[in-house]
């Protein structure tokens, strides 16, 4: 057996039978097809270790040149959550009263959303994902990161799937602008807020809008 090339290791890979692959692919689809965005949360506590595992899963996402240009800030402190909510609602009020186009507001009506975001203080955890436009080396010099938005977007997708798989819910919250998150959380100049995810259990009896996802035919093109 040939020795591994320097800097490389043999891939750990589990091959499944075609039957098992069909089953696993169906099971994963069946699970994730039940995922829904939730805007009303319970304040029931969630073990810190579960959140840690969710972030570990998110951090397995691929990234440009394996730079891993992300930071996951986890907020459970009530005062900090209150500060985030106050700042977010200030921006959202402006969005709903002038910044958003009429078409945008019309598209949002079926979801029943408005500028008020109580989930920011009710959910036991807020995960604020920051993108790192560059890293800073031990010598203080800038180190380039590549495909930052794509990499962090992939990590967020992993995180959302992991949240659902664990039996929790979230909502992708992107108050715009989001610079207040950098200030409240004291993040360095090379980090910019990318996404805010409240995480917890759904409120008892919570309802979600009736929606229909596009079919496979609508979202895929096959060249055979």
C-alpha atoms as a PDB file:
ATOM      1  CA  UNK A   1       0.000   0.000   0.000  1.00  0.00           C
ATOM      2  CA  UNK A   2       1.430   3.350  -1.019  1.00  0.00           C
ATOM      3  CA  UNK A   3       2.280   5.800   1.757  1.00  0.00           C
ATOM      4  CA  UNK A   4       0.121   8.893   2.127  1.00  0.00           C
ATOM      5  CA  UNK A   5       1.387  12.028   0.410  1.00  0.00           C
ATOM      6  CA  UNK A   6       2.814  14.512   2.911  1.00  0.00           C
ATOM      7  CA  UNK A   7       0.040  16.683   4.290  1.00  0.00           C
ATOM      8  CA  UNK A   8      -2.672  14.198   3.259  1.00  0.00           C
ATOM      9  CA  UNK A   9      -4.509  11.372   5.001  1.00  0.00           C
ATOM     10  CA  UNK A  10      -6.659   8.573   3.693  1.00  0.00           C
ATOM     11  CA  UNK A  11     -10.345   9.454   3.256  1.00  0.00           C
ATOM     12  CA  UNK A  12     -12.763   8.014   5.775  1.00  0.00           C
ATOM     13  CA  UNK A  13     -15.699   6.992   3.612  1.00  0.00           C
ATOM     14  CA  UNK A  14     -18.608   4.643   4.233  1.00  0.00           C
ATOM     15  CA  UNK A  15     -20.117   3.206   1.067  1.00  0.00           C
ATOM     16  CA  UNK A  16     -23.752   2.117   1.193  1.00  0.00           C
ATOM     17  CA  UNK A  17     -25.668  -0.257  -1.004  1.00  0.00           C
ATOM     18  CA  UNK A  18     -27.981   1.339  -3.595  1.00  0.00           C
ATOM     19  CA  UNK A  19     -30.955   0.262  -1.489  1.00  0.00           C
ATOM     20  CA  UNK A  20     -29.523   1.921   1.609  1.00  0.00           C
ATOM     21  CA  UNK A  21     -28.700   5.067  -0.337  1.00  0.00           C
ATOM     22  CA  UNK A  22     -32.278   5.286  -1.574  1.00  0.00           C
ATOM     23  CA  UNK A  23     -33.552   4.831   1.968  1.00  0.00           C
ATOM     24  CA  UNK A  24     -31.186   7.358   3.528  1.00  0.00           C
ATOM     25  CA  UNK A  25     -31.889   9.971   0.857  1.00  0.00           C
ATOM     26  CA  UNK A  26     -35.649   9.541   1.327  1.00  0.00           C
ATOM     27  CA  UNK A  27     -35.356   9.724   5.098  1.00  0.00           C
ATOM     28  CA  UNK A  28     -33.321  12.922   5.001  1.00  0.00           C
ATOM     29  CA  UNK A  29     -35.739  14.537   2.571  1.00  0.00           C
ATOM     30  CA  UNK A  30     -38.716  13.449   4.680  1.00  0.00           C
ATOM     31  CA  UNK A  31     -37.108  14.992   7.765  1.00  0.00           C
ATOM     32  CA  UNK A  32     -36.022  18.296   6.212  1.00  0.00           C
ATOM     33  CA  UNK A  33     -39.270  18.705   4.282  1.00  0.00           C
ATOM     34  CA  UNK A  34     -40.933  19.169   7.681  1.00  0.00           C
ATOM     35  CA  UNK A  35     -38.650  22.090   8.549  1.00  0.00           C
ATOM     36  CA  UNK A  36     -40.548  25.346   8.941  1.00  0.00           C
ATOM     37  CA  UNK A  37     -39.602  28.876   9.841  1.00  0.00           C
ATOM     38  CA  UNK A  38     -41.060  29.757  13.248  1.00  0.00           C
ATOM     39  CA  UNK A  39     -41.481  33.263  14.655  1.00  0.00           C
ATOM     40  CA  UNK A  40     -43.096  32.440  18.000  1.00  0.00           C
ATOM     41  CA  UNK A  41     -40.826  30.711  20.475  1.00  0.00           C
ATOM     42  CA  UNK A  42     -41.095  29.124  23.877  1.00  0.00           C
ATOM     43  CA  UNK A  43     -38.698  30.276  26.581  1.00  0.00           C
ATOM     44  CA  UNK A  44     -38.038  26.651  27.571  1.00  0.00           C
ATOM     45  CA  UNK A  45     -34.333  26.144  28.265  1.00  0.00           C
ATOM     46  CA  UNK A  46     -32.100  24.208  25.884  1.00  0.00           C
ATOM     47  CA  UNK A  47     -28.910  22.510  27.057  1.00  0.00           C
ATOM     48  CA  UNK A  48     -25.761  24.405  26.115  1.00  0.00           C
ATOM     49  CA  UNK A  49     -24.169  21.187  24.875  1.00  0.00           C
ATOM     50  CA  UNK A  50     -26.833  20.886  22.173  1.00  0.00           C
ATOM     51  CA  UNK A  51     -26.034  24.359  20.851  1.00  0.00           C
ATOM     52  CA  UNK A  52     -22.345  23.500  20.900  1.00  0.00           C
ATOM     53  CA  UNK A  53     -23.013  20.410  18.788  1.00  0.00           C
ATOM     54  CA  UNK A  54     -25.074  22.451  16.314  1.00  0.00           C
ATOM     55  CA  UNK A  55     -22.178  24.862  15.844  1.00  0.00           C
ATOM     56  CA  UNK A  56     -19.711  22.002  15.489  1.00  0.00           C
ATOM     57  CA  UNK A  57     -21.920  20.663  12.699  1.00  0.00           C
ATOM     58  CA  UNK A  58     -22.128  24.062  10.983  1.00  0.00           C
ATOM     59  CA  UNK A  59     -18.352  24.364  11.110  1.00  0.00           C
ATOM     60  CA  UNK A  60     -17.954  21.172   9.046  1.00  0.00           C
ATOM     61  CA  UNK A  61     -19.148  23.098   5.977  1.00  0.00           C
ATOM     62  CA  UNK A  62     -16.718  23.502   3.067  1.00  0.00           C
ATOM     63  CA  UNK A  63     -15.013  26.863   2.676  1.00  0.00           C
ATOM     64  CA  UNK A  64     -12.748  28.582   0.184  1.00  0.00           C
ATOM     65  CA  UNK A  65      -9.171  27.321   0.689  1.00  0.00           C
ATOM     66  CA  UNK A  66     -10.437  25.864   3.994  1.00  0.00           C
ATOM     67  CA  UNK A  67     -10.175  29.298   5.594  1.00  0.00           C
ATOM     68  CA  UNK A  68     -13.358  28.755   7.634  1.00  0.00           C
ATOM     69  CA  UNK A  69     -14.204  32.486   7.603  1.00  0.00           C
ATOM     70  CA  UNK A  70     -16.938  32.419  10.230  1.00  0.00           C
ATOM     71  CA  UNK A  71     -17.583  33.196  13.873  1.00  0.00           C
ATOM     72  CA  UNK A  72     -20.692  31.977  15.689  1.00  0.00           C
ATOM     73  CA  UNK A  73     -21.641  34.263  18.580  1.00  0.00           C
ATOM     74  CA  UNK A  74     -24.101  32.616  20.971  1.00  0.00           C
ATOM     75  CA  UNK A  75     -26.160  35.000  23.088  1.00  0.00           C
ATOM     76  CA  UNK A  76     -28.214  33.829  26.054  1.00  0.00           C
ATOM     77  CA  UNK A  77     -27.658  36.833  28.345  1.00  0.00           C
ATOM     78  CA  UNK A  78     -31.073  38.494  28.811  1.00  0.00           C
ATOM     79  CA  UNK A  79     -29.685  42.039  28.831  1.00  0.00           C
ATOM     80  CA  UNK A  80     -27.752  41.495  25.614  1.00  0.00           C
ATOM     81  CA  UNK A  81     -30.795  39.903  23.962  1.00  0.00           C
ATOM     82  CA  UNK A  82     -32.855  42.928  25.007  1.00  0.00           C
ATOM     83  CA  UNK A  83     -30.276  45.287  23.507  1.00  0.00           C
ATOM     84  CA  UNK A  84     -30.259  43.308  20.265  1.00  0.00           C
ATOM     85  CA  UNK A  85     -34.056  43.347  20.093  1.00  0.00           C
ATOM     86  CA  UNK A  86     -34.241  47.091  20.727  1.00  0.00           C
ATOM     87  CA  UNK A  87     -31.701  47.847  17.987  1.00  0.00           C
ATOM     88  CA  UNK A  88     -33.216  45.342  15.536  1.00  0.00           C
ATOM     89  CA  UNK A  89     -36.746  46.663  16.001  1.00  0.00           C
ATOM     90  CA  UNK A  90     -35.531  50.207  15.423  1.00  0.00           C
ATOM     91  CA  UNK A  91     -34.156  49.191  12.023  1.00  0.00           C
ATOM     92  CA  UNK A  92     -37.153  46.999  11.217  1.00  0.00           C
ATOM     93  CA  UNK A  93     -39.577  49.829  11.998  1.00  0.00           C
ATOM     94  CA  UNK A  94     -37.782  51.958   9.422  1.00  0.00           C
ATOM     95  CA  UNK A  95     -37.913  49.074   6.946  1.00  0.00           C
ATOM     96  CA  UNK A  96     -41.655  48.578   7.321  1.00  0.00           C
ATOM     97  CA  UNK A  97     -42.352  52.330   7.238  1.00  0.00           C
ATOM     98  CA  UNK A  98     -40.481  53.504   4.178  1.00  0.00           C
ATOM     99  CA  UNK A  99     -37.447  51.438   3.257  1.00  0.00           C
ATOM    100  CA  UNK A 100     -39.299  48.429   1.844  1.00  0.00           C
ATOM    101  CA  UNK A 101     -41.039  48.705  -1.515  1.00  0.00           C
ATOM    102  CA  UNK A 102     -44.788  48.174  -1.826  1.00  0.00           C
ATOM    103  CA  UNK A 103     -44.140  44.934  -3.718  1.00  0.00           C
ATOM    104  CA  UNK A 104     -41.933  43.652  -0.906  1.00  0.00           C
ATOM    105  CA  UNK A 105     -44.532  44.512   1.731  1.00  0.00           C
ATOM    106  CA  UNK A 106     -47.245  42.814  -0.327  1.00  0.00           C
ATOM    107  CA  UNK A 107     -45.140  39.656  -0.596  1.00  0.00           C
ATOM    108  CA  UNK A 108     -44.724  39.614   3.198  1.00  0.00           C
ATOM    109  CA  UNK A 109     -48.418  39.959   4.037  1.00  0.00           C
ATOM    110  CA  UNK A 110     -49.104  36.218   3.804  1.00  0.00           C
ATOM    111  CA  UNK A 111     -46.545  35.615   6.547  1.00  0.00           C
ATOM    112  CA  UNK A 112     -48.077  38.090   8.983  1.00  0.00           C
ATOM    113  CA  UNK A 113     -44.752  39.720   9.834  1.00  0.00           C
ATOM    114  CA  UNK A 114     -44.171  43.238  11.111  1.00  0.00           C
ATOM    115  CA  UNK A 115     -41.390  45.284  12.684  1.00  0.00           C
ATOM    116  CA  UNK A 116     -41.831  43.768  16.149  1.00  0.00           C
ATOM    117  CA  UNK A 117     -39.475  40.843  16.895  1.00  0.00           C
ATOM    118  CA  UNK A 118     -40.333  39.366  20.318  1.00  0.00           C
ATOM    119  CA  UNK A 119     -38.523  36.132  19.430  1.00  0.00           C
ATOM    120  CA  UNK A 120     -35.257  37.968  19.977  1.00  0.00           C
ATOM    121  CA  UNK A 121     -35.880  38.022  23.720  1.00  0.00           C
ATOM    122  CA  UNK A 122     -38.074  34.914  24.082  1.00  0.00           C
ATOM    123  CA  UNK A 123     -35.861  32.314  22.378  1.00  0.00           C
ATOM    124  CA  UNK A 124     -33.296  30.936  24.841  1.00  0.00           C
ATOM    125  CA  UNK A 125     -30.442  31.439  22.386  1.00  0.00           C
ATOM    126  CA  UNK A 126     -29.531  33.792  19.581  1.00  0.00           C
ATOM    127  CA  UNK A 127     -26.788  32.598  17.244  1.00  0.00           C
ATOM    128  CA  UNK A 128     -25.298  35.535  15.387  1.00  0.00           C
ATOM    129  CA  UNK A 129     -23.165  34.398  12.473  1.00  0.00           C
ATOM    130  CA  UNK A 130     -20.347  36.724  11.449  1.00  0.00           C
ATOM    131  CA  UNK A 131     -18.364  36.537   8.220  1.00  0.00           C
ATOM    132  CA  UNK A 132     -14.653  37.260   8.334  1.00  0.00           C
ATOM    133  CA  UNK A 133     -13.650  39.272   5.284  1.00  0.00           C
ATOM    134  CA  UNK A 134     -10.033  38.619   6.230  1.00  0.00           C
ATOM    135  CA  UNK A 135      -8.120  37.046   9.101  1.00  0.00           C
ATOM    136  CA  UNK A 136      -5.431  38.658  11.221  1.00  0.00           C
ATOM    137  CA  UNK A 137      -2.226  36.684  11.709  1.00  0.00           C
ATOM    138  CA  UNK A 138      -0.133  36.465  14.858  1.00  0.00           C
ATOM    139  CA  UNK A 139       2.035  39.246  13.442  1.00  0.00           C
ATOM    140  CA  UNK A 140      -0.975  41.508  12.959  1.00  0.00           C
ATOM    141  CA  UNK A 141      -0.879  41.220   9.172  1.00  0.00           C
ATOM    142  CA  UNK A 142      -4.006  40.634   7.110  1.00  0.00           C
ATOM    143  CA  UNK A 143      -4.517  37.140   5.732  1.00  0.00           C
ATOM    144  CA  UNK A 144      -6.817  36.691   2.744  1.00  0.00           C
ATOM    145  CA  UNK A 145     -10.037  34.719   2.868  1.00  0.00           C
ATOM    146  CA  UNK A 146     -11.739  33.443  -0.276  1.00  0.00           C
ATOM    147  CA  UNK A 147     -15.380  33.012  -1.304  1.00  0.00           C
ATOM    148  CA  UNK A 148     -16.406  34.393   2.073  1.00  0.00           C
ATOM    149  CA  UNK A 149     -20.128  34.878   1.398  1.00  0.00           C
ATOM    150  CA  UNK A 150     -20.451  31.488  -0.263  1.00  0.00           C
ATOM    151  CA  UNK A 151     -18.564  29.745   2.553  1.00  0.00           C
ATOM    152  CA  UNK A 152     -20.545  31.378   5.360  1.00  0.00           C
ATOM    153  CA  UNK A 153     -23.801  30.773   3.485  1.00  0.00           C
ATOM    154  CA  UNK A 154     -22.996  27.059   3.298  1.00  0.00           C
ATOM    155  CA  UNK A 155     -22.216  26.970   7.027  1.00  0.00           C
ATOM    156  CA  UNK A 156     -25.536  28.658   7.790  1.00  0.00           C
ATOM    157  CA  UNK A 157     -27.340  26.057   5.688  1.00  0.00           C
ATOM    158  CA  UNK A 158     -25.647  23.290   7.654  1.00  0.00           C
ATOM    159  CA  UNK A 159     -26.613  25.055  10.885  1.00  0.00           C
ATOM    160  CA  UNK A 160     -30.289  25.445   9.957  1.00  0.00           C
ATOM    161  CA  UNK A 161     -30.494  21.763   8.984  1.00  0.00           C
ATOM    162  CA  UNK A 162     -28.790  20.766  12.233  1.00  0.00           C
ATOM    163  CA  UNK A 163     -31.209  22.866  14.297  1.00  0.00           C
ATOM    164  CA  UNK A 164     -34.174  21.114  12.720  1.00  0.00           C
ATOM    165  CA  UNK A 165     -32.575  17.665  12.981  1.00  0.00           C
ATOM    166  CA  UNK A 166     -32.014  18.219  16.711  1.00  0.00           C
ATOM    167  CA  UNK A 167     -35.718  18.953  17.241  1.00  0.00           C
ATOM    168  CA  UNK A 168     -35.528  22.739  17.575  1.00  0.00           C
ATOM    169  CA  UNK A 169     -36.732  25.635  15.431  1.00  0.00           C
ATOM    170  CA  UNK A 170     -35.351  28.890  14.086  1.00  0.00           C
ATOM    171  CA  UNK A 171     -36.059  31.848  11.838  1.00  0.00           C
ATOM    172  CA  UNK A 172     -33.526  33.462   9.509  1.00  0.00           C
ATOM    173  CA  UNK A 173     -33.462  37.056  10.721  1.00  0.00           C
ATOM    174  CA  UNK A 174     -31.557  39.682   8.761  1.00  0.00           C
ATOM    175  CA  UNK A 175     -32.356  43.144  10.111  1.00  0.00           C
ATOM    176  CA  UNK A 176     -30.900  45.649   7.699  1.00  0.00           C
ATOM    177  CA  UNK A 177     -28.531  47.282   8.347  1.00  0.00           C
ATOM    178  CA  UNK A 178     -27.001  44.890  10.888  1.00  0.00           C
ATOM    179  CA  UNK A 179     -23.934  46.849  12.017  1.00  0.00           C
ATOM    180  CA  UNK A 180     -25.433  47.219  15.493  1.00  0.00           C
ATOM    181  CA  UNK A 181     -24.711  43.520  16.075  1.00  0.00           C
ATOM    182  CA  UNK A 182     -21.005  44.117  15.605  1.00  0.00           C
ATOM    183  CA  UNK A 183     -21.131  46.953  18.118  1.00  0.00           C
ATOM    184  CA  UNK A 184     -23.260  45.208  20.759  1.00  0.00           C
ATOM    185  CA  UNK A 185     -21.187  42.027  20.598  1.00  0.00           C
ATOM    186  CA  UNK A 186     -17.865  43.849  20.356  1.00  0.00           C
ATOM    187  CA  UNK A 187     -16.635  42.032  17.275  1.00  0.00           C
ATOM    188  CA  UNK A 188     -13.400  43.092  15.553  1.00  0.00           C
ATOM    189  CA  UNK A 189     -13.177  45.138  12.343  1.00  0.00           C
ATOM    190  CA  UNK A 190     -12.593  42.088  10.132  1.00  0.00           C
ATOM    191  CA  UNK A 191     -15.991  40.585  11.058  1.00  0.00           C
ATOM    192  CA  UNK A 192     -19.374  41.606   9.685  1.00  0.00           C
ATOM    193  CA  UNK A 193     -22.797  40.262  10.745  1.00  0.00           C
ATOM    194  CA  UNK A 194     -24.223  37.798   8.219  1.00  0.00           C
ATOM    195  CA  UNK A 195     -27.262  36.164   9.831  1.00  0.00           C
ATOM    196  CA  UNK A 196     -29.109  36.073  13.143  1.00  0.00           C
ATOM    197  CA  UNK A 197     -30.780  32.809  14.180  1.00  0.00           C
ATOM    198  CA  UNK A 198     -32.973  32.576  17.293  1.00  0.00           C
ATOM    199  CA  UNK A 199     -32.940  28.953  18.455  1.00  0.00           C
ATOM    200  CA  UNK A 200     -35.309  27.119  20.768  1.00  0.00           C
ATOM    201  CA  UNK A 201     -38.597  25.265  21.008  1.00  0.00           C
ATOM    202  CA  UNK A 202     -41.709  26.541  19.230  1.00  0.00           C
ATOM    203  CA  UNK A 203     -44.359  28.256  21.342  1.00  0.00           C
ATOM    204  CA  UNK A 204     -47.200  25.961  22.345  1.00  0.00           C
ATOM    205  CA  UNK A 205     -49.877  25.831  19.655  1.00  0.00           C
ATOM    206  CA  UNK A 206     -47.863  27.989  17.255  1.00  0.00           C
ATOM    207  CA  UNK A 207     -49.209  28.187  13.705  1.00  0.00           C
ATOM    208  CA  UNK A 208     -47.281  28.667  10.482  1.00  0.00           C
ATOM    209  CA  UNK A 209     -48.464  29.950   7.100  1.00  0.00           C
ATOM    210  CA  UNK A 210     -49.804  27.469   4.577  1.00  0.00           C
ATOM    211  CA  UNK A 211     -47.142  27.350   1.883  1.00  0.00           C
ATOM    212  CA  UNK A 212     -46.163  25.052  -0.955  1.00  0.00           C
ATOM    213  CA  UNK A 213     -42.592  24.377  -1.961  1.00  0.00           C
ATOM    214  CA  UNK A 214     -41.692  24.266  -5.639  1.00  0.00           C
ATOM    215  CA  UNK A 215     -41.641  20.811  -7.178  1.00  0.00           C
ATOM    216  CA  UNK A 216     -38.510  18.974  -8.281  1.00  0.00           C
ATOM    217  CA  UNK A 217     -39.440  19.794 -11.873  1.00  0.00           C
ATOM    218  CA  UNK A 218     -39.615  23.487 -11.087  1.00  0.00           C
ATOM    219  CA  UNK A 219     -36.226  23.691  -9.352  1.00  0.00           C
ATOM    220  CA  UNK A 220     -34.081  21.335 -11.441  1.00  0.00           C
ATOM    221  CA  UNK A 221     -32.947  20.967 -15.043  1.00  0.00           C
ATOM    222  CA  UNK A 222     -31.600  17.612 -16.199  1.00  0.00           C
ATOM    223  CA  UNK A 223     -29.235  17.052 -19.130  1.00  0.00           C
ATOM    224  CA  UNK A 224     -29.255  13.344 -20.002  1.00  0.00           C
END
